[in-house]
């Protein structure tokens, strides 16, 4: 009888420990509509415009603005 109660206690403890590790990430909301950007003139010849985009910032979408990138 004692073994049975100890086994049950161990089983319950292990079950509680395993269930506490279950984490479900909530679904992300859809991306907002793209932001219309006005492309400024290039800083110098040999630069290419990279469009802005949204990135997931933990719990919301954050807009990353476009910028000029040097082309090699």
C-alpha atoms as a PDB file:
ATOM      1  CA  UNK A   1       0.000   0.000   0.000  1.00  0.00           C
ATOM      2  CA  UNK A   2       2.848   2.366   0.843  1.00  0.00           C
ATOM      3  CA  UNK A   3       4.512   1.753  -2.529  1.00  0.00           C
ATOM      4  CA  UNK A   4       1.255   2.529  -4.281  1.00  0.00           C
ATOM      5  CA  UNK A   5       0.803   5.875  -2.503  1.00  0.00           C
ATOM      6  CA  UNK A   6       4.453   6.838  -3.107  1.00  0.00           C
ATOM      7  CA  UNK A   7       4.120   5.903  -6.780  1.00  0.00           C
ATOM      8  CA  UNK A   8       0.973   7.964  -7.071  1.00  0.00           C
ATOM      9  CA  UNK A   9       2.646  10.958  -5.412  1.00  0.00           C
ATOM     10  CA  UNK A  10       5.662  10.704  -7.736  1.00  0.00           C
ATOM     11  CA  UNK A  11       3.401  10.338 -10.765  1.00  0.00           C
ATOM     12  CA  UNK A  12       1.332  13.377  -9.773  1.00  0.00           C
ATOM     13  CA  UNK A  13       4.460  15.469  -9.150  1.00  0.00           C
ATOM     14  CA  UNK A  14       6.000  14.508 -12.494  1.00  0.00           C
ATOM     15  CA  UNK A  15       2.725  15.186 -14.304  1.00  0.00           C
ATOM     16  CA  UNK A  16       2.475  18.636 -12.751  1.00  0.00           C
ATOM     17  CA  UNK A  17       6.093  19.397 -13.673  1.00  0.00           C
ATOM     18  CA  UNK A  18       5.599  18.306 -17.276  1.00  0.00           C
ATOM     19  CA  UNK A  19       2.326  20.196 -17.675  1.00  0.00           C
ATOM     20  CA  UNK A  20       3.883  23.414 -16.402  1.00  0.00           C
ATOM     21  CA  UNK A  21       6.418  23.254 -19.245  1.00  0.00           C
ATOM     22  CA  UNK A  22       3.703  23.346 -21.918  1.00  0.00           C
ATOM     23  CA  UNK A  23       3.775  26.821 -23.442  1.00  0.00           C
ATOM     24  CA  UNK A  24       1.728  27.752 -26.476  1.00  0.00           C
ATOM     25  CA  UNK A  25       2.630  30.903 -28.376  1.00  0.00           C
ATOM     26  CA  UNK A  26      -0.474  32.923 -29.239  1.00  0.00           C
ATOM     27  CA  UNK A  27      -1.230  33.453 -32.919  1.00  0.00           C
ATOM     28  CA  UNK A  28       0.234  36.607 -34.421  1.00  0.00           C
ATOM     29  CA  UNK A  29      -2.158  39.194 -35.807  1.00  0.00           C
ATOM     30  CA  UNK A  30      -1.870  39.743 -39.570  1.00  0.00           C
ATOM     31  CA  UNK A  31       0.602  42.310 -40.854  1.00  0.00           C
ATOM     32  CA  UNK A  32      -0.792  45.817 -41.300  1.00  0.00           C
ATOM     33  CA  UNK A  33      -0.958  47.394 -44.744  1.00  0.00           C
ATOM     34  CA  UNK A  34       2.434  48.475 -46.097  1.00  0.00           C
ATOM     35  CA  UNK A  35       3.468  52.049 -45.401  1.00  0.00           C
ATOM     36  CA  UNK A  36       3.860  54.238 -48.487  1.00  0.00           C
ATOM     37  CA  UNK A  37       7.381  55.615 -48.427  1.00  0.00           C
ATOM     38  CA  UNK A  38       8.750  58.499 -50.444  1.00  0.00           C
ATOM     39  CA  UNK A  39      12.182  57.501 -51.661  1.00  0.00           C
ATOM     40  CA  UNK A  40      14.672  60.323 -50.988  1.00  0.00           C
ATOM     41  CA  UNK A  41      17.449  60.973 -53.496  1.00  0.00           C
ATOM     42  CA  UNK A  42      20.455  58.653 -53.194  1.00  0.00           C
ATOM     43  CA  UNK A  43      23.312  59.904 -51.033  1.00  0.00           C
ATOM     44  CA  UNK A  44      25.854  59.127 -53.787  1.00  0.00           C
ATOM     45  CA  UNK A  45      26.153  57.073 -56.961  1.00  0.00           C
ATOM     46  CA  UNK A  46      26.339  53.329 -56.339  1.00  0.00           C
ATOM     47  CA  UNK A  47      23.540  53.134 -53.752  1.00  0.00           C
ATOM     48  CA  UNK A  48      20.352  51.079 -54.014  1.00  0.00           C
ATOM     49  CA  UNK A  49      17.054  51.625 -52.175  1.00  0.00           C
ATOM     50  CA  UNK A  50      15.856  48.852 -49.864  1.00  0.00           C
ATOM     51  CA  UNK A  51      12.095  48.948 -49.236  1.00  0.00           C
ATOM     52  CA  UNK A  52      10.725  49.170 -45.718  1.00  0.00           C
ATOM     53  CA  UNK A  53       9.066  46.159 -44.135  1.00  0.00           C
ATOM     54  CA  UNK A  54       7.351  44.980 -40.978  1.00  0.00           C
ATOM     55  CA  UNK A  55       9.152  42.825 -38.418  1.00  0.00           C
ATOM     56  CA  UNK A  56       7.667  41.001 -35.448  1.00  0.00           C
ATOM     57  CA  UNK A  57       8.745  42.782 -32.232  1.00  0.00           C
ATOM     58  CA  UNK A  58       7.686  40.324 -29.546  1.00  0.00           C
ATOM     59  CA  UNK A  59       4.003  41.248 -29.307  1.00  0.00           C
ATOM     60  CA  UNK A  60       3.336  43.639 -32.207  1.00  0.00           C
ATOM     61  CA  UNK A  61       4.411  44.457 -35.756  1.00  0.00           C
ATOM     62  CA  UNK A  62       7.035  47.214 -36.016  1.00  0.00           C
ATOM     63  CA  UNK A  63       7.753  49.097 -39.242  1.00  0.00           C
ATOM     64  CA  UNK A  64      11.394  49.135 -40.368  1.00  0.00           C
ATOM     65  CA  UNK A  65      11.806  52.087 -42.751  1.00  0.00           C
ATOM     66  CA  UNK A  66      13.514  51.768 -46.116  1.00  0.00           C
ATOM     67  CA  UNK A  67      17.085  52.940 -46.513  1.00  0.00           C
ATOM     68  CA  UNK A  68      19.905  53.289 -49.009  1.00  0.00           C
ATOM     69  CA  UNK A  69      22.462  50.477 -49.228  1.00  0.00           C
ATOM     70  CA  UNK A  70      25.848  50.679 -50.939  1.00  0.00           C
ATOM     71  CA  UNK A  71      26.152  48.303 -53.910  1.00  0.00           C
ATOM     72  CA  UNK A  72      29.525  46.624 -54.330  1.00  0.00           C
END
